[in-house]
């Protein structure tokens, strides 16, 4: 089968099942943007690196850092600017990485909060006022996605495009700061994204650039220490025993998101809409990072298939790529759609010669229909270059019985199966998975 691949001269859009082909000017990708190092220009006691995450149905976690060691782990909040009718107290922590000592890292859970509502809040009883908007309690909901961010001019462009149109939360499939053991880069990244991460919840999972493992000796930092300490996600609240994977409900449980890090064990159950994020893609037609997700795919793909996962998002490869529904290297109408969205903005090498930076949006409209759109960064504009309407597999009667194509065990068995793989297996270099893209299933630069 020949790849249905879009050259730089053509754009292919799959819109509600109709294939539209149109010509376009050749896209010439500009050079990588410079790294932006954002400094803290306020007093040491003032909060910085403020970001949000969802915790349960109607709570949010507010996280921030202070250089001063005596700051209060308190968030004051209310529905009117400057009128804080409620406060919550949390906890603080810190970590050391060789000669680096972090500031005081605060985590405070606030709520219960009204859905789809604007709140004003202040951290540590000092400094700036921030504004947040809570996600809706029911469908529709809009999820923005981008991975492999870094802190470059192109990252700034991507996040600006994301924020131009309203969305409910941002999902990031790994590789955040690209600190790579240089701990001050975690601080500059936190300040760099604060404008966006303080307004909407950011739900993230780890990538290979979060590992930062020191030597396996007593007293030395272990892997993921900066990531798990700074970007605390609701793993305990979701019943996970590891900070490297978790799940959460959105839109009142109509969407279930599994943040399946590429370096941890996994267990899941079925929900109306199932969305999975991981870092290293299982299906990838390019030589960049070829085969790195293969061990994980072999260990866990059947679990996701049995749970009727609708979409699997990954990063790692710095470009955009989409496959049609697939399972075990074969086209399968009951398998997930696999999408690589690792084009957030970091300046590393690219998967495709003229691959663009950009972001995606998954708009879950109701219990059966969702729209996926990929937005390319075209200078000051954000241009939709690929879009697709999806039907929930849970709503598809042909995918709910024991006669599902490729099914080997009953659906109910998925809840009792726990597939796991070690970090070493996930990062092993296997033979490339050279699956060719499926008909109407690939769009990218």
Foldseek 3Di string as FASTA:
>chain_A
DAFPEDAQQWFWAQEPNDTDIDGDPRFFADAAFDFDQDDDPDDQQAWFLWFWADFAQAKIKIKTFGQDAPFFLKKFKDQDPPDGPDMWGFDWDWDDAVPDTGGIMHITMDDNDAAQGKMWMGGRPDDDIFIAGAHHQADWFKEKEAEQQAGGPLLVLQLVQVPVDDHAEYEYAANQHLCLSVVSSVRRSSRRCCVPRRHHHYHYAYDPSQQSADPPDPPHDGGNPVVCNRPPHNAVSQVHPDSRWGWHAGNNQLEIETAHELAKWDADAAGLAYEYGYAQFCDDQFPQCFPLQVLVCVQPQLLCLLSQHAEYEYERAQAWKKAAADGPLDHFNSHYIYIYRNNSRDNDDHRDPRGFHWMKMWTDHHSFKIKIWIWGSDPNHTHTRYMDMGTRSVPVPQSQACPGVPRDDHSVCSNVDIGIDHNCSSRDHDPGDNRHGDVVTIYID
